[in-house]
């Protein structure tokens, strides 16, 4: 089981949904969710491929709020109101993307929104899409090689797009957590916080999300890195104290963009509690 994956409909390293699901099948996964950023547009492609491999594919989306990523699972993919909500969320993220591009243009990088859209014609646009476009565009590459000959490509990425980079420090657009939670519930789905150890700073944030109605907390087994140790412990303790269900996902984007691998058979077993939780949604498993 892997309930957090990405395709070319967000920032999944040019992975078509059918290629992603085939990779899941070859890992021994029989239950997966395609959770592109602010989009469920690849679901039908993923579902049809899953059928060929005898897999169950859940509708999913990773919804962007200014502070958190919320993971929506097993909603009705034909719900028109929810699809309109996702369109609205994508539009807000494009506005954030435009602000980042303006900052990059301000220091001389010849990046434009049109260039990003040419590289990612199907995608919701965000930070990773800008990074990949800058690496592909000859004008951007020439600028960065001239300005930073001593830096590795990874160092250049962090200089411009890292948490303290040139394109950081902006006021991000996005739907509120409460808006996302209500929209997913209205579409018959479940919603939780994705990779909380990366985003949650204090316990009161988790308390507020619980009051707003989240259904679960996600754990990413491959995210247990030393610099996150304190945050992981905080989230683990809160999750246990609040008897909050846990889902598992890899947050796989393809090996081009990150080094996260898909979960494999035996790494993430469907527990009765998670099955009961998911069965409140659109597809029964």
Protein backbone atom coordinates (compact mmCIF):
# COMPACT_ATOMS: atom_id res chain seq x y z
CA UNK A 1 0.00 0.00 0.00
CA UNK A 2 1.23 3.49 -0.87
CA UNK A 3 -1.22 6.35 -0.32
CA UNK A 4 0.91 9.32 -1.42
CA UNK A 5 2.31 9.47 -4.96
CA UNK A 6 2.68 12.07 -7.73
CA UNK A 7 2.50 12.09 -11.52
CA UNK A 8 2.96 14.60 -14.35
CA UNK A 9 -0.28 16.28 -13.23
CA UNK A 10 1.72 17.99 -10.48
CA UNK A 11 5.48 17.56 -10.07
CA UNK A 12 6.02 13.86 -10.58
CA UNK A 13 9.13 13.98 -12.78
CA UNK A 14 7.23 13.58 -16.07
CA UNK A 15 5.66 10.34 -14.85
CA UNK A 16 2.45 9.46 -16.62
CA UNK A 17 -0.14 8.01 -14.20
CA UNK A 18 -0.01 4.67 -16.02
CA UNK A 19 3.79 4.50 -15.61
CA UNK A 20 3.51 5.35 -11.92
CA UNK A 21 0.91 2.66 -11.27
CA UNK A 22 2.90 0.10 -13.23
CA UNK A 23 5.90 0.90 -11.01
CA UNK A 24 3.69 0.41 -7.93
CA UNK A 25 2.55 -2.97 -9.22
CA UNK A 26 6.12 -4.12 -9.77
CA UNK A 27 6.87 -3.15 -6.15
CA UNK A 28 4.12 -5.54 -5.01
CA UNK A 29 1.70 -2.75 -4.06
CA UNK A 30 -1.96 -3.68 -4.48
CA UNK A 31 -3.55 -0.52 -3.07
CA UNK A 32 -2.38 2.97 -4.04
CA UNK A 33 -3.58 6.56 -4.26
CA UNK A 34 -2.57 9.10 -6.87
CA UNK A 35 -2.30 12.34 -4.88
CA UNK A 36 -1.18 15.07 -7.22
CA UNK A 37 -1.00 18.61 -5.89
CA UNK A 38 -4.42 20.27 -6.03
CA UNK A 39 -5.53 17.91 -8.80
CA UNK A 40 -7.29 14.61 -9.41
CA UNK A 41 -7.08 14.87 -13.20
CA UNK A 42 -4.87 11.78 -13.56
CA UNK A 43 -7.16 9.49 -11.59
CA UNK A 44 -8.97 7.79 -14.48
CA UNK A 45 -5.68 6.98 -16.21
CA UNK A 46 -4.34 5.55 -12.95
CA UNK A 47 -7.52 3.59 -12.21
CA UNK A 48 -7.58 1.93 -15.65
CA UNK A 49 -3.93 0.91 -15.33
CA UNK A 50 -4.62 -0.42 -11.85
CA UNK A 51 -7.36 -2.66 -13.22
CA UNK A 52 -4.89 -4.30 -15.59
CA UNK A 53 -2.62 -5.15 -12.66
CA UNK A 54 -5.41 -6.20 -10.28
CA UNK A 55 -4.81 -3.13 -8.08
CA UNK A 56 -7.20 -0.82 -6.27
CA UNK A 57 -6.47 2.85 -6.98
CA UNK A 58 -8.04 5.45 -4.70
CA UNK A 59 -8.83 9.00 -5.80
CA UNK A 60 -6.51 11.43 -4.07
CA UNK A 61 -5.11 14.95 -4.03
CA UNK A 62 -2.53 16.82 -1.96
CA UNK A 63 -4.16 20.16 -1.21
CA UNK A 64 -1.92 23.17 -0.67
CA UNK A 65 -2.66 25.63 2.12
CA UNK A 66 -0.33 28.48 3.09
CA UNK A 67 1.19 26.45 5.93
CA UNK A 68 0.38 22.78 5.36
CA UNK A 69 -0.19 20.14 2.72
CA UNK A 70 -3.38 18.21 3.41
CA UNK A 71 -3.87 14.76 1.93
CA UNK A 72 -7.34 14.05 0.52
CA UNK A 73 -8.22 10.38 -0.05
CA UNK A 74 -11.09 8.38 -1.48
CA UNK A 75 -13.44 11.23 -2.35
CA UNK A 76 -15.95 11.05 -5.19
CA UNK A 77 -13.87 11.94 -8.28
CA UNK A 78 -17.04 12.94 -10.16
CA UNK A 79 -18.11 15.50 -7.55
CA UNK A 80 -18.39 18.74 -9.55
CA UNK A 81 -18.20 21.08 -6.55
CA UNK A 82 -14.98 19.44 -5.39
CA UNK A 83 -13.45 19.61 -8.86
CA UNK A 84 -14.24 23.34 -8.93
CA UNK A 85 -12.57 23.64 -5.52
CA UNK A 86 -9.42 21.99 -6.89
CA UNK A 87 -9.44 24.31 -9.90
CA UNK A 88 -9.63 27.27 -7.51
CA UNK A 89 -6.75 25.87 -5.45
CA UNK A 90 -4.60 25.41 -8.57
CA UNK A 91 -5.30 29.00 -9.60
CA UNK A 92 -4.12 30.24 -6.21
CA UNK A 93 -0.93 28.20 -6.52
CA UNK A 94 -0.27 29.67 -9.95
CA UNK A 95 -0.44 33.13 -8.38
CA UNK A 96 2.19 32.05 -5.83
CA UNK A 97 4.26 30.67 -8.69
CA UNK A 98 4.06 34.03 -10.49
CA UNK A 99 5.34 35.83 -7.38
CA UNK A 100 8.34 33.50 -7.18
CA UNK A 101 9.08 34.06 -10.87
CA UNK A 102 8.96 37.84 -10.38
CA UNK A 103 11.62 37.56 -7.68
CA UNK A 104 13.81 35.40 -9.92
CA UNK A 105 13.40 37.82 -12.82
CA UNK A 106 14.38 40.62 -10.45
CA UNK A 107 17.88 39.16 -10.08
CA UNK A 108 18.24 38.53 -13.80
CA UNK A 109 17.10 34.96 -14.40
CA UNK A 110 15.25 34.76 -17.74
CA UNK A 111 12.42 32.58 -16.38
CA UNK A 112 8.76 33.16 -17.29
CA UNK A 113 5.47 31.52 -16.39
CA UNK A 114 5.03 30.64 -20.07
CA UNK A 115 8.30 28.65 -20.01
CA UNK A 116 7.13 26.71 -16.97
CA UNK A 117 3.80 25.94 -18.63
CA UNK A 118 5.54 24.68 -21.76
CA UNK A 119 7.56 22.19 -19.71
CA UNK A 120 4.56 21.21 -17.56
CA UNK A 121 1.44 21.57 -19.74
CA UNK A 122 -0.71 19.30 -17.54
CA UNK A 123 0.56 20.24 -14.11
CA UNK A 124 -0.54 22.34 -11.20
CA UNK A 125 2.40 24.74 -11.01
CA UNK A 126 4.60 25.12 -7.95
CA UNK A 127 8.16 25.45 -6.74
CA UNK A 128 9.48 22.17 -8.15
CA UNK A 129 8.09 22.98 -11.59
CA UNK A 130 10.13 26.21 -11.59
CA UNK A 131 13.28 24.35 -10.51
CA UNK A 132 12.97 21.79 -13.31
CA UNK A 133 12.19 24.47 -15.90
CA UNK A 134 15.26 26.50 -14.88
CA UNK A 135 17.40 23.38 -15.30
CA UNK A 136 15.97 22.69 -18.77
CA UNK A 137 15.92 26.21 -20.18
CA UNK A 138 19.15 27.14 -21.98
CA UNK A 139 18.92 30.82 -21.03
CA UNK A 140 18.45 30.04 -17.34
CA UNK A 141 21.28 27.53 -17.39
CA UNK A 142 23.65 29.99 -19.02
CA UNK A 143 22.79 32.64 -16.44
CA UNK A 144 23.31 30.31 -13.48
CA UNK A 145 26.56 28.87 -14.86
CA UNK A 146 27.95 32.36 -15.35
CA UNK A 147 26.86 33.64 -11.93
CA UNK A 148 27.65 30.52 -9.88
CA UNK A 149 30.44 28.54 -11.56
CA UNK A 150 31.61 27.22 -8.18
CA UNK A 151 28.22 25.80 -7.14
CA UNK A 152 26.78 22.35 -7.77
CA UNK A 153 23.32 22.20 -9.40
CA UNK A 154 21.83 21.28 -6.02
CA UNK A 155 23.48 24.30 -4.36
CA UNK A 156 22.12 26.56 -7.11
CA UNK A 157 18.62 25.18 -6.50
CA UNK A 158 18.85 25.96 -2.80
CA UNK A 159 20.28 29.42 -3.49
CA UNK A 160 17.28 30.40 -5.58
CA UNK A 161 14.44 28.13 -4.43
CA UNK A 162 15.39 26.91 -0.95
CA UNK A 163 13.60 27.93 2.24
CA UNK A 164 15.85 30.98 2.52
CA UNK A 165 16.48 31.40 -1.19
CA UNK A 166 15.89 34.26 -3.59
CA UNK A 167 12.31 33.16 -4.30
CA UNK A 168 11.36 32.51 -0.66
CA UNK A 169 9.83 34.84 1.90
CA UNK A 170 6.70 35.52 -0.12
CA UNK A 171 3.14 35.58 1.17
CA UNK A 172 1.75 32.34 -0.20
CA UNK A 173 -1.72 32.09 -1.64
CA UNK A 174 -3.87 29.09 -0.82
CA UNK A 175 -7.14 27.76 0.50
CA UNK A 176 -7.45 27.54 4.28
CA UNK A 177 -7.21 24.18 6.06
CA UNK A 178 -10.87 24.47 7.11
CA UNK A 179 -11.94 25.12 3.51
CA UNK A 180 -9.99 22.07 2.33
CA UNK A 181 -11.31 19.83 5.10
CA UNK A 182 -14.92 20.82 4.46
CA UNK A 183 -14.59 20.44 0.69
CA UNK A 184 -13.17 16.92 0.97
CA UNK A 185 -15.79 15.82 3.48
CA UNK A 186 -18.54 17.23 1.29
CA UNK A 187 -17.18 15.09 -1.55
CA UNK A 188 -17.38 11.99 0.65
CA UNK A 189 -13.64 11.66 1.27
CA UNK A 190 -11.12 11.60 4.10
CA UNK A 191 -8.44 14.17 4.79
CA UNK A 192 -5.34 14.31 6.95
CA UNK A 193 -2.08 16.20 7.22
CA UNK A 194 0.72 15.11 4.89
CA UNK A 195 4.29 14.81 6.21
CA UNK A 196 3.47 16.77 9.42
CA UNK A 197 7.02 16.61 10.74
CA UNK A 198 8.10 18.88 7.86
CA UNK A 199 5.47 21.56 8.46
CA UNK A 200 4.16 21.48 12.03
CA UNK A 201 6.11 23.70 14.41
CA UNK A 202 4.06 23.44 17.64
CA UNK A 203 1.48 21.02 19.01
CA UNK A 204 -1.30 23.63 19.01
CA UNK A 205 -1.28 23.49 15.21
CA UNK A 206 -2.20 19.82 15.35
CA UNK A 207 -4.90 20.60 17.90
CA UNK A 208 -6.39 23.20 15.56
CA UNK A 209 -6.38 20.79 12.61
CA UNK A 210 -8.14 18.21 14.75
CA UNK A 211 -10.80 20.74 15.76
CA UNK A 212 -11.27 21.54 12.08
CA UNK A 213 -11.92 17.87 11.36
CA UNK A 214 -8.87 16.04 10.00
CA UNK A 215 -9.34 12.27 9.89
CA UNK A 216 -5.76 10.99 10.04
CA UNK A 217 -2.06 11.82 10.22
CA UNK A 218 0.33 10.62 7.54
CA UNK A 219 3.63 8.96 8.30
CA UNK A 220 6.29 8.75 5.61
CA UNK A 221 8.69 5.93 6.59
CA UNK A 222 11.41 7.30 4.29
CA UNK A 223 11.27 10.76 5.88
CA UNK A 224 12.73 9.76 9.24
CA UNK A 225 15.88 11.85 8.92
CA UNK A 226 18.00 13.10 11.85
CA UNK A 227 17.17 16.80 11.35
CA UNK A 228 13.47 15.96 11.77
CA UNK A 229 13.92 13.79 14.86
CA UNK A 230 12.43 16.28 17.34
CA UNK A 231 9.45 17.11 15.11
CA UNK A 232 8.78 13.44 14.40
CA UNK A 233 8.76 12.66 18.12
CA UNK A 234 6.32 15.53 18.77
CA UNK A 235 3.93 14.33 16.06
CA UNK A 236 4.20 10.68 17.16
CA UNK A 237 3.39 11.59 20.76
CA UNK A 238 0.43 13.78 19.74
CA UNK A 239 -0.92 11.11 17.40
CA UNK A 240 -0.79 8.46 20.13
CA UNK A 241 -2.31 10.76 22.77
CA UNK A 242 -5.19 11.66 20.45
CA UNK A 243 -5.71 8.12 19.14
CA UNK A 244 -5.45 9.48 15.60
CA UNK A 245 -5.39 6.98 12.71
CA UNK A 246 -2.15 6.79 10.71
CA UNK A 247 -1.76 6.33 6.98
CA UNK A 248 1.50 5.65 5.18
CA UNK A 249 2.89 7.00 1.94
CA UNK A 250 6.16 7.51 0.12
CA UNK A 251 5.46 10.96 -1.40
CA UNK A 252 7.07 9.50 -4.51
CA UNK A 253 7.85 12.06 -7.24
CA UNK A 254 10.06 9.93 -9.43
CA UNK A 255 13.80 9.57 -9.04
CA UNK A 256 14.61 12.65 -11.10
CA UNK A 257 13.36 15.10 -8.47
CA UNK A 258 13.78 13.32 -5.13
CA UNK A 259 15.44 10.20 -3.77
CA UNK A 260 12.23 8.90 -2.22
CA UNK A 261 11.34 5.40 -3.35
CA UNK A 262 7.89 3.89 -3.54
CA UNK A 263 6.90 1.80 -0.58
CA UNK A 264 7.11 -1.92 -1.22
CA UNK A 265 5.13 -4.97 -0.18
CA UNK A 266 5.58 -5.55 3.55
CA UNK A 267 6.56 -1.96 4.35
CA UNK A 268 2.99 -0.77 4.76
CA UNK A 269 0.26 -3.23 5.62
CA UNK A 270 -3.41 -2.25 5.47
CA UNK A 271 -4.56 -2.42 9.10
CA UNK A 272 -8.22 -3.03 10.00
CA UNK A 273 -8.45 0.51 11.38
CA UNK A 274 -7.19 2.15 8.19
CA UNK A 275 -9.41 -0.11 6.09
CA UNK A 276 -12.39 0.96 8.18
CA UNK A 277 -11.39 4.61 7.76
CA UNK A 278 -10.95 4.36 4.01
CA UNK A 279 -14.20 2.45 3.61
CA UNK A 280 -16.08 5.58 4.69
CA UNK A 281 -15.10 7.00 1.33
CA UNK A 282 -16.00 6.50 -2.32
CA UNK A 283 -14.38 3.11 -3.06
CA UNK A 284 -14.80 0.12 -0.74
CA UNK A 285 -11.68 -1.96 -0.23
